Amino acid sequence: MATSTALARARAGDGEAFRELTDPYRGELQLHCYRILGSVQDAEDMLQETLLAAWRGLDRFEGRASMRAWLYKIATNRCLNALRDTGRRPERAARAGPALVAPEPTRRSEPLWLQPYPDALLDDVPDAAPGPEARYEAREALGLAFAAGLQRLPPRQRAVLVLRDVLGYRAAEAADMLEVSEISVNSALQRARATLTAQLPAGRDTAPAPRSPRERELTSAFADAFEAADTERLVALLTEDAWLTMPPEPLEYQGHAAIAEFYTSRTWWGVQPVRLVPTRANNQPAFGYYLQDPHAPVARAHGLFVLTLAADKISAITRFGDNSLLPHFGLPRTLPG
């Protein structure tokens, strides 16, 4: 709870007191915005907007709820406003560049606006247990599959599910944050749960522990096979029903044959040297990948992979081609050749 002394000082214009009140929640608020928006860049912007709105509206904080809940209310509604303002952003993002030339996919999906979330930002998120209403474990609620599932929900359902099932707020609390009725919250939650359950992969709790020896062994084998352009060795590391996806591209490939055909169709596969640099995203192993420039002694970034693991295999490869993400992961745009 906000201390009365710090609150009084902040209301008097003391910026240091305001930071004392809000800094403990910055990391989790940014993650909350990411879950709703699906973008680490937008989440950073919404965090700043939330803190600015809280600073300007501090006189309206009456203390009936905690400072944390009040900030979550501001952040949630700022995110929903942002989604209304951006409209049909996934379709626009998908058309922003040239169409990907690739083999016929296993299926075509609706363009999905999604970015990975750097694990480095999770260091600022307190390891606190969610409220008693929560349904998802912290690890699962950080995963890329969960984040992707959220982005396929309507914005209001997305916000309700995060508030109720991830953070564990009660229905009455969520209704107060969204300024709607409890009936509306419960209805939205029921629909969101049904949709998300149908989208999340089965057996999603069987991945090796993060940073465990088994995880390192599997991801190292992937890096070795990928850098060697060894298609046979690469697909041997995948589950039989593994998916390769590339948000916001609508093309999705499932299974060994389809994924192998995709990679062997790349003009650089087995021709230009590839280098992978390990990082982490959404509490999962990830790699920045770089192709050797044929005309200069450097390797240039071509995006980021995030791997989803299941037992002793890889169940999904998610590729993000936006190099503007790299600084968030501490990755350079080029590597010395």
Protein backbone atom coordinates (compact mmCIF):
# COMPACT_ATOMS: atom_id res chain seq x y z
CA MET A 1 0.00 0.00 0.00
CA ALA A 2 1.16 3.53 -0.67
CA THR A 3 2.66 5.15 2.42
CA SER A 4 0.80 8.29 3.44
CA THR A 5 4.04 10.26 3.73
CA ALA A 6 5.28 9.37 0.26
CA LEU A 7 1.83 9.96 -1.19
CA ALA A 8 1.58 13.40 0.39
CA ARG A 9 5.04 14.33 -0.88
CA ALA A 10 4.22 13.08 -4.38
CA ARG A 11 0.99 15.06 -4.46
CA ALA A 12 3.02 18.12 -3.54
CA GLY A 13 5.09 17.60 -6.69
CA ASP A 14 7.97 15.51 -5.32
CA GLY A 15 9.09 13.36 -8.24
CA GLU A 16 11.35 11.23 -6.06
CA ALA A 17 8.39 10.35 -3.82
CA PHE A 18 6.33 9.44 -6.89
CA ARG A 19 9.08 7.11 -8.08
CA GLU A 20 9.19 5.59 -4.60
CA LEU A 21 5.50 4.78 -4.95
CA THR A 22 5.59 3.48 -8.54
CA ASP A 23 9.04 2.01 -9.20
CA PRO A 24 8.23 -1.34 -7.51
CA TYR A 25 5.54 -1.93 -10.17
CA ARG A 26 7.28 -0.74 -13.35
CA GLY A 27 8.48 -4.17 -14.49
CA GLU A 28 5.19 -5.96 -13.96
CA LEU A 29 3.20 -3.10 -15.51
CA GLN A 30 5.31 -3.25 -18.67
CA LEU A 31 4.80 -7.01 -18.86
CA HIS A 32 1.06 -6.48 -18.36
CA CYS A 33 0.99 -4.04 -21.27
CA TYR A 34 2.92 -6.52 -23.40
CA ARG A 35 0.40 -9.26 -22.74
CA ILE A 36 -2.44 -7.04 -23.93
CA LEU A 37 -0.62 -5.40 -26.85
CA GLY A 38 1.73 -8.19 -27.99
CA SER A 39 4.53 -5.68 -28.62
CA VAL A 40 7.52 -4.92 -26.43
CA GLN A 41 7.89 -1.52 -28.09
CA ASP A 42 4.25 -0.58 -27.53
CA ALA A 43 4.46 -1.90 -23.96
CA GLU A 44 7.32 0.50 -23.22
CA ASP A 45 5.28 3.38 -24.61
CA MET A 46 2.19 2.41 -22.60
CA LEU A 47 4.23 2.11 -19.41
CA GLN A 48 5.39 5.69 -19.84
CA GLU A 49 1.84 6.84 -20.62
CA THR A 50 0.57 5.02 -17.53
CA LEU A 51 3.11 6.64 -15.25
CA LEU A 52 2.45 10.07 -16.75
CA ALA A 53 -1.31 9.63 -16.28
CA ALA A 54 -0.75 8.46 -12.70
CA TRP A 55 1.46 11.47 -11.96
CA ARG A 56 -1.12 13.87 -13.36
CA GLY A 57 -4.03 12.12 -11.66
CA LEU A 58 -2.47 11.41 -8.28
CA ASP A 59 -4.99 13.64 -6.53
CA ARG A 60 -7.72 11.24 -7.69
CA PHE A 61 -6.09 8.25 -5.99
CA GLU A 62 -8.33 7.76 -2.98
CA GLY A 63 -6.56 4.78 -1.46
CA ARG A 64 -9.59 2.46 -1.47
CA ALA A 65 -7.60 0.06 -3.63
CA SER A 66 -3.86 -0.49 -3.50
CA MET A 67 -1.46 1.66 -5.51
CA ARG A 68 -0.70 -1.47 -7.55
CA ALA A 69 -4.35 -2.03 -8.47
CA TRP A 70 -4.80 1.65 -9.32
CA LEU A 71 -1.80 1.54 -11.68
CA TYR A 72 -3.08 -1.65 -13.29
CA LYS A 73 -6.41 0.06 -13.92
CA ILE A 74 -4.70 2.95 -15.68
CA ALA A 75 -2.40 0.66 -17.67
CA THR A 76 -5.21 -1.65 -18.78
CA ASN A 77 -7.39 1.15 -20.05
CA ARG A 78 -4.48 2.88 -21.77
CA CYS A 79 -3.73 -0.37 -23.60
CA LEU A 80 -7.35 -0.81 -24.65
CA ASN A 81 -7.41 2.76 -25.94
CA ALA A 82 -4.22 2.09 -27.90
CA LEU A 83 -5.76 -0.99 -29.50
CA ARG A 84 -8.81 1.01 -30.53
CA ASP A 85 -6.56 3.70 -32.02
CA THR A 86 -4.38 1.31 -34.02
CA GLY A 87 -7.35 -0.51 -35.55
CA ARG A 88 -6.46 -3.38 -37.88
CA ARG A 89 -2.71 -3.13 -37.34
CA PRO A 90 -1.82 -6.81 -38.06
CA GLU A 91 -3.05 -6.56 -41.64
CA ARG A 92 -1.14 -3.33 -42.21
CA ALA A 93 2.01 -4.79 -40.68
CA ALA A 94 1.78 -7.87 -42.86
CA ARG A 95 1.68 -5.69 -45.98
CA ALA A 96 4.49 -3.38 -44.87
CA GLY A 97 7.16 -5.31 -46.78
CA PRO A 98 7.39 -7.53 -49.87
CA ALA A 99 5.50 -10.79 -49.78
CA LEU A 100 7.52 -13.78 -48.62
CA VAL A 101 8.34 -16.15 -51.47
CA ALA A 102 8.01 -19.61 -49.97
CA PRO A 103 6.58 -23.10 -50.60
CA GLU A 104 2.87 -23.72 -50.17
CA PRO A 105 2.24 -23.70 -46.40
CA THR A 106 0.42 -26.27 -44.31
CA ARG A 107 -2.13 -23.56 -43.58
CA ARG A 108 -2.68 -19.83 -43.88
CA SER A 109 -3.70 -17.91 -40.78
CA GLU A 110 -4.86 -14.41 -40.07
CA PRO A 111 -1.87 -12.04 -39.78
CA LEU A 112 -0.82 -11.91 -36.13
CA TRP A 113 0.80 -8.84 -34.58
CA LEU A 114 3.22 -10.26 -32.04
CA GLN A 115 6.74 -9.56 -30.81
CA PRO A 116 8.85 -11.60 -28.38
CA TYR A 117 9.50 -10.27 -24.88
CA PRO A 118 13.14 -10.10 -23.68
CA ASP A 119 13.89 -12.14 -20.59
CA ALA A 120 16.21 -9.35 -19.46
CA LEU A 121 13.12 -7.25 -18.72
CA LEU A 122 11.75 -9.99 -16.46
CA ASP A 123 14.52 -9.27 -13.95
CA ASP A 124 12.47 -6.25 -12.86
CA VAL A 125 9.29 -8.30 -12.31
CA PRO A 126 8.89 -9.39 -8.69
CA ASP A 127 8.48 -13.09 -8.06
CA ALA A 128 5.16 -12.63 -6.30
CA ALA A 129 2.35 -15.14 -6.24
CA PRO A 130 -0.74 -14.03 -8.19
CA GLY A 131 -4.12 -13.65 -6.54
CA PRO A 132 -6.22 -16.70 -5.65
CA GLU A 133 -8.33 -16.33 -8.82
CA ALA A 134 -5.34 -17.01 -11.12
CA ARG A 135 -5.50 -20.11 -13.35
CA TYR A 136 -2.17 -19.98 -15.16
CA GLU A 137 1.27 -20.61 -13.70
CA ALA A 138 3.73 -17.74 -14.09
CA ARG A 139 5.90 -19.72 -16.52
CA GLU A 140 3.01 -20.61 -18.81
CA ALA A 141 1.65 -17.06 -18.73
CA LEU A 142 5.04 -15.84 -20.03
CA GLY A 143 5.27 -18.31 -22.91
CA LEU A 144 5.11 -17.30 -26.55
CA ALA A 145 2.19 -19.65 -27.25
CA PHE A 146 0.19 -17.96 -24.50
CA ALA A 147 1.11 -14.50 -25.80
CA ALA A 148 0.06 -15.50 -29.31
CA GLY A 149 -3.21 -16.93 -28.03
CA LEU A 150 -3.98 -13.67 -26.25
CA GLN A 151 -3.47 -11.67 -29.43
CA ARG A 152 -6.19 -13.68 -31.17
CA LEU A 153 -8.76 -12.62 -28.56
CA PRO A 154 -10.83 -9.43 -28.86
CA PRO A 155 -9.21 -6.65 -26.78
CA ARG A 156 -11.77 -6.62 -23.94
CA GLN A 157 -11.62 -10.42 -23.57
CA ARG A 158 -7.84 -10.22 -23.61
CA ALA A 159 -7.79 -7.70 -20.77
CA VAL A 160 -10.33 -9.61 -18.69
CA LEU A 161 -8.47 -12.90 -19.02
CA VAL A 162 -5.15 -11.32 -18.02
CA LEU A 163 -6.66 -9.54 -15.02
CA ARG A 164 -8.56 -12.58 -13.81
CA ASP A 165 -6.59 -15.68 -14.83
CA VAL A 166 -3.01 -14.36 -14.89
CA LEU A 167 -3.01 -11.72 -12.15
CA GLY A 168 -5.78 -13.29 -10.09
CA TYR A 169 -7.97 -10.24 -9.53
CA ARG A 170 -11.52 -11.01 -8.45
CA ALA A 171 -14.41 -10.36 -10.80
CA ALA A 172 -15.49 -7.27 -8.85
CA GLU A 173 -11.97 -5.85 -8.99
CA ALA A 174 -11.66 -6.47 -12.73
CA ALA A 175 -15.08 -4.90 -13.30
CA ASP A 176 -13.99 -1.80 -11.38
CA MET A 177 -10.78 -1.52 -13.41
CA LEU A 178 -12.64 -1.80 -16.71
CA GLU A 179 -15.65 0.20 -15.49
CA VAL A 180 -18.12 -2.49 -16.57
CA SER A 181 -20.43 -4.86 -14.70
CA GLU A 182 -19.37 -8.13 -13.11
CA ILE A 183 -21.78 -9.90 -15.46
CA SER A 184 -19.91 -8.42 -18.42
CA VAL A 185 -16.56 -9.49 -16.96
CA ASN A 186 -17.72 -13.06 -16.31
CA SER A 187 -19.21 -13.36 -19.79
CA ALA A 188 -16.04 -12.10 -21.46
CA LEU A 189 -13.91 -14.39 -19.31
CA GLN A 190 -15.94 -17.47 -20.23
CA ARG A 191 -15.57 -16.76 -23.95
CA ALA A 192 -11.88 -15.94 -23.64
CA ARG A 193 -11.12 -19.13 -21.72
CA ALA A 194 -12.86 -21.29 -24.32
CA THR A 195 -11.00 -19.66 -27.20
CA LEU A 196 -7.60 -19.73 -25.52
CA THR A 197 -7.92 -23.34 -24.36
CA ALA A 198 -8.63 -24.42 -27.94
CA GLN A 199 -5.51 -22.59 -29.19
CA LEU A 200 -2.90 -23.60 -26.61
CA PRO A 201 -0.94 -26.74 -27.54
CA ALA A 202 -1.46 -29.92 -25.59
CA GLY A 203 1.33 -31.08 -23.29
CA ARG A 204 2.59 -27.53 -22.87
CA ASP A 205 3.91 -28.16 -19.37
CA THR A 206 6.48 -30.75 -20.43
CA ALA A 207 9.30 -28.43 -21.50
CA PRO A 208 12.68 -28.75 -19.77
CA ALA A 209 13.29 -26.26 -16.99
CA PRO A 210 14.62 -22.89 -18.23
CA ARG A 211 18.43 -22.86 -18.44
CA SER A 212 18.59 -26.52 -17.43
CA PRO A 213 21.28 -28.83 -18.86
CA ARG A 214 18.64 -30.52 -21.04
CA GLU A 215 17.49 -27.20 -22.44
CA ARG A 216 21.08 -26.18 -23.19
CA GLU A 217 21.79 -29.53 -24.85
CA LEU A 218 18.75 -29.30 -27.12
CA THR A 219 19.24 -25.66 -28.10
CA SER A 220 22.95 -26.19 -28.77
CA ALA A 221 22.08 -29.09 -31.07
CA PHE A 222 19.62 -26.82 -32.90
CA ALA A 223 22.25 -24.09 -33.32
CA ASP A 224 24.82 -26.58 -34.63
CA ALA A 225 22.39 -28.05 -37.17
CA PHE A 226 21.12 -24.65 -38.30
CA GLU A 227 24.58 -23.14 -38.75
CA ALA A 228 25.61 -26.22 -40.72
CA ALA A 229 22.45 -25.99 -42.88
CA ASP A 230 21.92 -29.66 -42.04
CA THR A 231 18.22 -30.10 -42.76
CA GLU A 232 18.10 -33.76 -41.77
CA ARG A 233 19.73 -33.12 -38.41
CA LEU A 234 17.56 -30.04 -37.84
CA VAL A 235 14.20 -31.75 -38.36
CA ALA A 236 15.32 -34.71 -36.25
CA LEU A 237 15.25 -32.34 -33.29
CA LEU A 238 11.58 -31.46 -33.92
CA THR A 239 8.44 -33.17 -32.72
CA GLU A 240 6.46 -34.84 -35.51
CA ASP A 241 3.80 -32.11 -35.33
CA ALA A 242 6.17 -29.15 -34.86
CA TRP A 243 5.18 -25.77 -36.30
CA LEU A 244 7.23 -23.11 -38.04
CA THR A 245 5.53 -19.69 -37.92
CA MET A 246 6.69 -16.17 -38.82
CA PRO A 247 4.39 -13.48 -37.39
CA PRO A 248 2.91 -11.42 -38.97
CA GLU A 249 3.34 -13.59 -42.08
CA PRO A 250 0.21 -15.75 -42.51
CA LEU A 251 2.20 -18.79 -43.73
CA GLU A 252 2.52 -21.69 -41.27
CA TYR A 253 4.37 -24.97 -41.77
CA GLN A 254 3.83 -28.16 -39.77
CA GLY A 255 5.80 -31.38 -39.67
CA HIS A 256 9.25 -32.49 -40.74
CA ALA A 257 8.66 -32.52 -44.49
CA ALA A 258 7.02 -29.08 -44.65
CA ILE A 259 9.64 -27.42 -42.45
CA ALA A 260 12.51 -29.08 -44.33
CA GLU A 261 11.06 -27.91 -47.65
CA PHE A 262 10.77 -24.35 -46.33
CA TYR A 263 14.42 -24.17 -45.31
CA THR A 264 15.80 -25.86 -48.42
CA SER A 265 13.85 -23.33 -50.50
CA ARG A 266 15.78 -20.42 -48.92
CA THR A 267 18.37 -19.08 -51.35
CA TRP A 268 20.87 -18.60 -48.51
CA TRP A 269 20.46 -22.08 -46.97
CA GLY A 270 23.77 -23.90 -47.33
CA VAL A 271 25.20 -21.03 -49.41
CA GLN A 272 25.77 -18.07 -47.08
CA PRO A 273 27.33 -18.85 -43.69
CA VAL A 274 24.86 -18.44 -40.83
CA ARG A 275 25.69 -17.49 -37.26
CA LEU A 276 23.32 -17.77 -34.30
CA VAL A 277 23.74 -15.70 -31.14
CA PRO A 278 21.84 -17.04 -28.11
CA THR A 279 19.43 -14.94 -26.09
CA ARG A 280 16.11 -15.54 -24.33
CA ALA A 281 12.54 -14.42 -24.94
CA ASN A 282 9.29 -15.19 -23.10
CA ASN A 283 11.24 -17.43 -20.72
CA GLN A 284 12.24 -19.58 -23.71
CA PRO A 285 15.52 -20.07 -25.60
CA ALA A 286 16.01 -17.76 -28.56
CA PHE A 287 18.64 -16.81 -31.12
CA GLY A 288 19.47 -13.78 -33.18
CA TYR A 289 20.53 -15.03 -36.60
CA TYR A 290 23.01 -13.46 -38.99
CA LEU A 291 23.91 -14.13 -42.62
CA GLN A 292 27.35 -13.43 -44.01
CA ASP A 293 27.35 -10.42 -46.33
CA PRO A 294 28.83 -11.61 -49.65
CA HIS A 295 30.27 -8.16 -50.33
CA ALA A 296 31.60 -7.12 -46.92
CA PRO A 297 33.43 -8.75 -44.00
CA VAL A 298 30.38 -8.67 -41.74
CA ALA A 299 27.38 -10.86 -40.92
CA ARG A 300 24.08 -8.97 -41.02
CA ALA A 301 21.11 -9.60 -38.75
CA HIS A 302 18.08 -11.26 -40.34
CA GLY A 303 15.83 -11.56 -37.31
CA LEU A 304 15.23 -13.67 -34.26
CA PHE A 305 14.11 -17.25 -33.55
CA VAL A 306 12.25 -18.32 -30.42
CA LEU A 307 12.12 -22.06 -29.70
CA THR A 308 9.27 -23.79 -27.89
CA LEU A 309 10.38 -27.04 -26.27
CA ALA A 310 8.38 -30.13 -25.41
CA ALA A 311 10.15 -32.86 -23.42
CA ASP A 312 13.32 -33.66 -25.39
CA LYS A 313 12.20 -32.08 -28.68
CA ILE A 314 11.41 -28.70 -30.22
CA SER A 315 7.69 -28.26 -30.82
CA ALA A 316 7.73 -24.82 -32.47
CA ILE A 317 10.10 -22.44 -34.21
CA THR A 318 8.82 -18.86 -34.28
CA ARG A 319 10.76 -16.48 -36.48
CA PHE A 320 10.58 -12.69 -36.17
CA GLY A 321 12.09 -10.77 -39.04
CA ASP A 322 11.98 -7.29 -37.50
CA ASN A 323 15.55 -6.20 -36.81
CA SER A 324 14.32 -3.25 -34.75
CA LEU A 325 13.75 -5.79 -31.98
CA LEU A 326 17.44 -6.62 -31.65
CA PRO A 327 18.45 -3.77 -29.28
CA HIS A 328 15.84 -4.97 -26.78
CA PHE A 329 17.78 -8.24 -26.61
CA GLY A 330 21.23 -6.65 -26.50
CA LEU A 331 21.98 -7.94 -30.00
CA PRO A 332 23.91 -5.98 -32.64
CA ARG A 333 22.79 -5.41 -36.22
CA THR A 334 26.06 -6.79 -37.58
CA LEU A 335 28.77 -9.15 -36.44
CA PRO A 336 32.39 -8.90 -37.58
CA GLY A 337 33.02 -11.35 -40.37
